[in-house]
Protein backbone atom coordinates (compact mmCIF):
# COMPACT_ATOMS: atom_id res chain seq x y z
CA UNK A 1 8.98 2.72 23.91
CA UNK A 2 12.05 4.88 23.43
CA UNK A 3 14.14 5.72 26.45
CA UNK A 4 15.96 9.02 26.94
CA UNK A 5 18.83 9.37 24.48
CA UNK A 6 17.91 6.32 22.42
CA UNK A 7 17.64 6.40 18.65
CA UNK A 8 14.69 4.63 17.04
CA UNK A 9 16.92 1.72 15.98
CA UNK A 10 18.54 1.44 19.43
CA UNK A 11 15.10 1.30 21.05
CA UNK A 12 14.00 -1.44 18.66
CA UNK A 13 17.12 -3.52 19.28
CA UNK A 14 16.68 -3.21 23.06
CA UNK A 15 12.96 -4.07 22.97
CA UNK A 16 13.51 -7.12 20.76
CA UNK A 17 16.17 -8.38 23.17
CA UNK A 18 13.98 -7.76 26.22
CA UNK A 19 10.83 -9.33 24.78
CA UNK A 20 12.03 -11.96 22.28
CA UNK A 21 15.66 -12.66 23.22
CA UNK A 22 17.05 -11.82 19.79
CA UNK A 23 19.70 -9.32 18.69
CA UNK A 24 18.69 -7.41 15.56
CA UNK A 25 21.52 -6.41 13.23
CA UNK A 26 19.78 -5.00 10.14
CA UNK A 27 16.41 -3.39 9.49
CA UNK A 28 14.55 -0.49 7.91
CA UNK A 29 11.47 1.59 8.73
CA UNK A 30 8.25 0.21 7.24
CA UNK A 31 5.50 2.63 8.34
CA UNK A 32 4.75 5.21 11.01
CA UNK A 33 1.18 5.15 12.31
CA UNK A 34 -0.14 8.16 14.26
CA UNK A 35 -3.14 7.14 16.36
CA UNK A 36 -5.24 8.95 18.96
CA UNK A 37 -7.09 7.40 21.91
CA UNK A 38 -9.49 9.27 24.19
CA UNK A 39 -6.73 9.99 26.71
CA UNK A 40 -3.52 9.97 24.68
CA UNK A 41 -1.90 9.99 21.25
CA UNK A 42 0.76 7.54 20.12
CA UNK A 43 2.90 6.87 17.07
CA UNK A 44 3.68 3.29 16.14
CA UNK A 45 7.12 3.14 14.53
CA UNK A 46 7.04 -0.14 12.59
CA UNK A 47 10.22 -1.65 11.14
CA UNK A 48 11.14 -4.62 9.01
CA UNK A 49 13.99 -6.59 10.62
CA UNK A 50 16.13 -8.20 7.92
CA UNK A 51 18.74 -9.96 10.09
CA UNK A 52 19.00 -11.05 13.71
CA UNK A 53 20.84 -13.54 15.91
CA UNK A 54 19.14 -15.97 18.27
CA UNK A 55 15.80 -17.78 18.36
CA UNK A 56 12.70 -15.76 19.32
CA UNK A 57 11.12 -16.91 22.57
CA UNK A 58 8.62 -15.48 25.02
CA UNK A 59 10.80 -13.74 27.60
CA UNK A 60 7.84 -11.94 29.23
CA UNK A 61 5.37 -14.84 29.14
CA UNK A 62 3.38 -13.42 26.23
CA UNK A 63 1.64 -15.63 23.67
CA UNK A 64 3.91 -16.20 20.69
CA UNK A 65 3.58 -17.98 17.34
CA UNK A 66 4.64 -17.63 13.72
CA UNK A 67 1.83 -16.53 11.39
CA UNK A 68 1.79 -16.22 7.62
CA UNK A 69 1.20 -12.61 6.61
CA UNK A 70 -1.93 -13.59 4.67
CA UNK A 71 -3.48 -14.91 7.91
CA UNK A 72 -2.91 -11.74 9.94
CA UNK A 73 -6.32 -10.29 9.05
CA UNK A 74 -8.04 -13.09 10.99
CA UNK A 75 -6.25 -12.26 14.26
CA UNK A 76 -7.95 -9.73 16.58
CA UNK A 77 -5.71 -6.66 16.93
CA UNK A 78 -6.06 -3.04 18.06
CA UNK A 79 -7.24 -0.62 15.36
CA UNK A 80 -3.86 1.11 15.43
CA UNK A 81 -2.24 -2.09 14.13
CA UNK A 82 -4.35 -2.36 10.96
CA UNK A 83 -2.17 -0.03 8.82
CA UNK A 84 0.93 -1.94 9.91
CA UNK A 85 -0.63 -5.24 8.84
CA UNK A 86 -1.56 -3.70 5.47
CA UNK A 87 2.00 -2.41 5.03
CA UNK A 88 3.40 -5.89 5.74
CA UNK A 89 1.21 -7.38 3.02
CA UNK A 90 1.58 -4.68 0.35
CA UNK A 91 4.47 -4.66 -2.17
CA UNK A 92 6.74 -1.70 -2.88
CA UNK A 93 5.56 -1.27 -6.50
CA UNK A 94 2.00 -0.60 -7.72
CA UNK A 95 1.25 -0.82 -11.45
CA UNK A 96 -1.55 1.28 -12.93
CA UNK A 97 -2.57 0.33 -16.47
CA UNK A 98 -2.25 2.97 -19.22
CA UNK A 99 -5.38 4.75 -20.45
CA UNK A 100 -5.68 2.61 -23.55
CA UNK A 101 -8.54 2.80 -26.06
CA UNK A 102 -10.66 -0.34 -26.52
CA UNK A 103 -8.35 -2.97 -27.94
CA UNK A 104 -8.03 -6.77 -28.09
CA UNK A 105 -7.57 -8.19 -24.61
CA UNK A 106 -4.14 -9.59 -25.48
CA UNK A 107 -2.85 -6.02 -25.67
CA UNK A 108 -3.26 -5.87 -21.88
CA UNK A 109 -3.01 -9.51 -20.85
CA UNK A 110 0.44 -9.99 -22.40
CA UNK A 111 2.18 -6.96 -20.82
CA UNK A 112 0.47 -7.47 -17.45
CA UNK A 113 1.59 -11.10 -17.48
CA UNK A 114 5.12 -9.91 -18.28
CA UNK A 115 4.96 -7.42 -15.43
CA UNK A 116 3.89 -10.13 -12.99
CA UNK A 117 6.70 -12.38 -14.21
CA UNK A 118 9.01 -9.47 -13.39
CA UNK A 119 7.74 -9.26 -9.83
CA UNK A 120 4.81 -6.81 -9.89
CA UNK A 121 2.27 -7.96 -7.31
CA UNK A 122 -0.28 -5.12 -7.15
CA UNK A 123 -2.13 -3.92 -10.26
CA UNK A 124 -4.89 -1.38 -10.84
CA UNK A 125 -7.02 -1.97 -13.94
CA UNK A 126 -7.91 1.55 -15.08
CA UNK A 127 -9.59 1.74 -18.49
CA UNK A 128 -11.95 4.75 -18.56
CA UNK A 129 -12.46 4.52 -22.34
CA UNK A 130 -13.71 0.93 -22.20
CA UNK A 131 -17.28 -0.30 -21.94
CA UNK A 132 -18.07 -1.72 -18.52
CA UNK A 133 -18.89 -5.19 -19.90
CA UNK A 134 -15.50 -5.36 -21.62
CA UNK A 135 -13.70 -4.29 -18.45
CA UNK A 136 -15.57 -7.00 -16.57
CA UNK A 137 -14.58 -9.75 -19.01
CA UNK A 138 -10.96 -8.64 -19.06
CA UNK A 139 -10.86 -8.35 -15.27
CA UNK A 140 -11.98 -11.94 -14.82
CA UNK A 141 -9.28 -13.17 -17.20
CA UNK A 142 -6.59 -11.10 -15.50
CA UNK A 143 -7.70 -12.10 -12.01
CA UNK A 144 -7.20 -15.77 -12.82
CA UNK A 145 -3.69 -14.96 -14.02
CA UNK A 146 -2.96 -12.79 -10.98
CA UNK A 147 -3.86 -15.64 -8.66
CA UNK A 148 -1.27 -17.84 -10.39
CA UNK A 149 1.44 -15.26 -9.63
CA UNK A 150 0.25 -14.36 -6.13
CA UNK A 151 -0.62 -10.86 -7.34
CA UNK A 152 -3.64 -8.71 -6.48
CA UNK A 153 -5.86 -7.08 -9.09
CA UNK A 154 -7.91 -3.98 -8.29
CA UNK A 155 -10.32 -2.19 -10.58
CA UNK A 156 -10.64 1.56 -10.74
CA UNK A 157 -13.75 3.16 -9.22
CA UNK A 158 -16.32 0.42 -9.92
CA UNK A 159 -17.18 -1.09 -6.52
CA UNK A 160 -20.06 -3.22 -7.82
CA UNK A 161 -17.96 -4.70 -10.62
CA UNK A 162 -15.18 -5.65 -8.21
CA UNK A 163 -17.58 -7.43 -5.88
CA UNK A 164 -19.51 -9.16 -8.66
CA UNK A 165 -16.38 -10.47 -10.41
CA UNK A 166 -14.58 -11.46 -7.21
CA UNK A 167 -11.60 -9.15 -7.72
CA UNK A 168 -9.14 -8.35 -4.95
CA UNK A 169 -10.40 -4.81 -4.47
CA UNK A 170 -11.07 -1.31 -5.77
CA UNK A 171 -9.05 1.85 -6.18
CA UNK A 172 -11.22 4.95 -5.82
CA UNK A 173 -10.55 8.37 -7.34
CA UNK A 174 -10.65 11.15 -4.73
CA UNK A 175 -13.94 12.47 -6.15
CA UNK A 176 -15.61 9.08 -5.59
CA UNK A 177 -14.12 8.59 -2.14
CA UNK A 178 -15.41 12.04 -1.15
CA UNK A 179 -19.01 10.82 -1.57
CA UNK A 180 -18.55 8.02 0.99
CA UNK A 181 -18.96 8.09 4.76
CA UNK A 182 -17.85 4.51 5.41
CA UNK A 183 -15.87 1.67 3.90
CA UNK A 184 -17.75 0.33 0.85
CA UNK A 185 -16.05 -3.09 0.70
CA UNK A 186 -15.75 -6.17 2.91
CA UNK A 187 -12.61 -6.30 5.05
CA UNK A 188 -11.08 -9.08 2.95
CA UNK A 189 -11.00 -6.86 -0.16
CA UNK A 190 -8.42 -4.12 -0.70
CA UNK A 191 -9.45 -0.46 -0.83
CA UNK A 192 -7.09 2.15 -2.26
CA UNK A 193 -7.79 5.87 -2.67
CA UNK A 194 -6.14 8.48 -4.89
CA UNK A 195 -5.14 11.52 -2.82
CA UNK A 196 -3.50 14.87 -3.48
CA UNK A 197 -3.46 16.66 -0.13
CA UNK A 198 -3.82 16.24 3.64
CA UNK A 199 -7.62 16.48 3.65
CA UNK A 200 -8.00 13.70 1.08
CA UNK A 201 -5.56 11.48 2.98
CA UNK A 202 -7.50 12.06 6.21
CA UNK A 203 -10.79 11.22 4.49
CA UNK A 204 -9.31 8.03 3.02
CA UNK A 205 -8.36 6.96 6.54
CA UNK A 206 -11.83 7.83 7.89
CA UNK A 207 -13.62 5.60 5.36
CA UNK A 208 -11.35 2.65 6.13
CA UNK A 209 -9.02 2.65 3.13
CA UNK A 210 -6.17 0.16 3.28
CA UNK A 211 -3.74 2.41 1.41
CA UNK A 212 -3.53 5.59 -0.65
CA UNK A 213 -1.60 7.05 -3.54
CA UNK A 214 -0.34 10.63 -3.16
CA UNK A 215 0.41 12.69 -6.24
CA UNK A 216 1.94 14.31 -8.13
CA UNK A 217 5.33 14.03 -6.49
CA UNK A 218 7.16 15.01 -9.68
CA UNK A 219 6.20 16.20 -13.14
CA UNK A 220 4.53 13.70 -15.48
CA UNK A 221 3.98 13.80 -19.26
CA UNK A 222 0.23 13.28 -18.75
CA UNK A 223 -0.11 16.26 -16.36
CA UNK A 224 2.85 18.56 -17.07
CA UNK A 225 1.14 21.70 -15.76
CA UNK A 226 0.14 20.27 -12.37
CA UNK A 227 2.00 21.63 -9.35
CA UNK A 228 4.31 18.99 -7.90
CA UNK A 229 4.52 18.16 -4.21
CA UNK A 230 8.25 17.45 -4.21
CA UNK A 231 9.83 14.99 -1.79
CA UNK A 232 9.88 17.31 1.24
CA UNK A 233 6.15 18.07 1.13
CA UNK A 234 5.36 14.47 0.22
CA UNK A 235 7.28 13.23 3.28
CA UNK A 236 5.49 15.68 5.58
CA UNK A 237 2.08 14.49 4.37
CA UNK A 238 3.04 10.83 4.69
CA UNK A 239 4.34 11.41 8.24
CA UNK A 240 0.88 12.52 9.39
CA UNK A 241 -1.08 9.85 7.50
CA UNK A 242 -2.10 6.61 9.29
CA UNK A 243 -2.09 4.59 6.04
CA UNK A 244 0.49 3.02 3.73
CA UNK A 245 1.06 5.57 0.95
CA UNK A 246 2.46 5.14 -2.56
CA UNK A 247 4.30 8.00 -4.27
CA UNK A 248 2.74 8.70 -7.67
CA UNK A 249 3.75 11.09 -10.44
CA UNK A 250 6.99 10.75 -12.40
CA UNK A 251 7.97 7.66 -10.42
CA UNK A 252 10.19 4.77 -11.49
CA UNK A 253 11.62 1.74 -9.73
CA UNK A 254 14.75 3.78 -8.95
CA UNK A 255 12.57 6.08 -6.80
CA UNK A 256 11.51 3.33 -4.37
CA UNK A 257 14.35 4.09 -1.89
CA UNK A 258 13.53 7.82 -1.91
CA UNK A 259 9.83 7.11 -1.37
CA UNK A 260 10.51 4.69 1.47
CA UNK A 261 12.96 7.18 2.94
CA UNK A 262 10.00 9.56 3.23
CA UNK A 263 7.97 6.90 5.05
CA UNK A 264 6.03 5.67 2.01
CA UNK A 265 5.19 2.10 1.08
CA UNK A 266 6.85 2.54 -2.30
CA UNK A 267 5.91 3.92 -5.72
CA UNK A 268 2.93 3.70 -8.06
CA UNK A 269 3.49 4.18 -11.77
CA UNK A 270 2.12 3.69 -15.24
CA UNK A 271 4.92 4.24 -17.78
CA UNK A 272 7.85 3.00 -15.71
CA UNK A 273 6.20 -0.24 -14.62
CA UNK A 274 4.47 -1.02 -17.92
CA UNK A 275 6.59 -3.48 -19.94
CA UNK A 276 8.05 -1.98 -23.09
């Protein structure tokens, strides 16, 4: 809770000292979460603290324990905290596979394996030209590999396929998400939604999405005529969205700082994250 005249960072440093007895020396914003209750509206300003002095202890008598990020879903928390937990668990880069024609599975397995070796930990399998049975077989092979690297594999649009093959989740196009009134997946699976404006972001939040992509931020070879949001408009939309958001459209790894500076989780990309 910021006091008069305090910056966001100064408020965080003071609160951490008052509640945990530590002195933070380095950190960065992770996500801002606007949330409305019946009688008030709040904004959670969540940061990642990269360096601090001291040993955390319960200065105000509150319960305190270390928890692995993967176990956070099992702990009861207010609804406003859910986007922050998702942001803690999501990486800064999100690979979307190219729209390849049907091809031997090695043509995807090899580069995706290389991407995971390079640190990619979130992948969307998007193959609209492929037969569903072939996507299913490939997804099962890739999911086994992803588990070895601690990565998560999502399939585009096909909710039933994701559930039947035990994948980590689904990424829905905006047109598919628009047909839903509620979350279509169990809580332990990831749900992403492609968005292009404020209304689509708001709908993604209403149906219980864990994160969204927002595009196009910049021009892309695949959609050169589409109007771009630009960083200023992108940042304004992210500021009002209660979800982790990935910048999509003309993005590369070098754009991660700019995206995060706008309040985003990071960047999503095809060309610039696809090996070779």
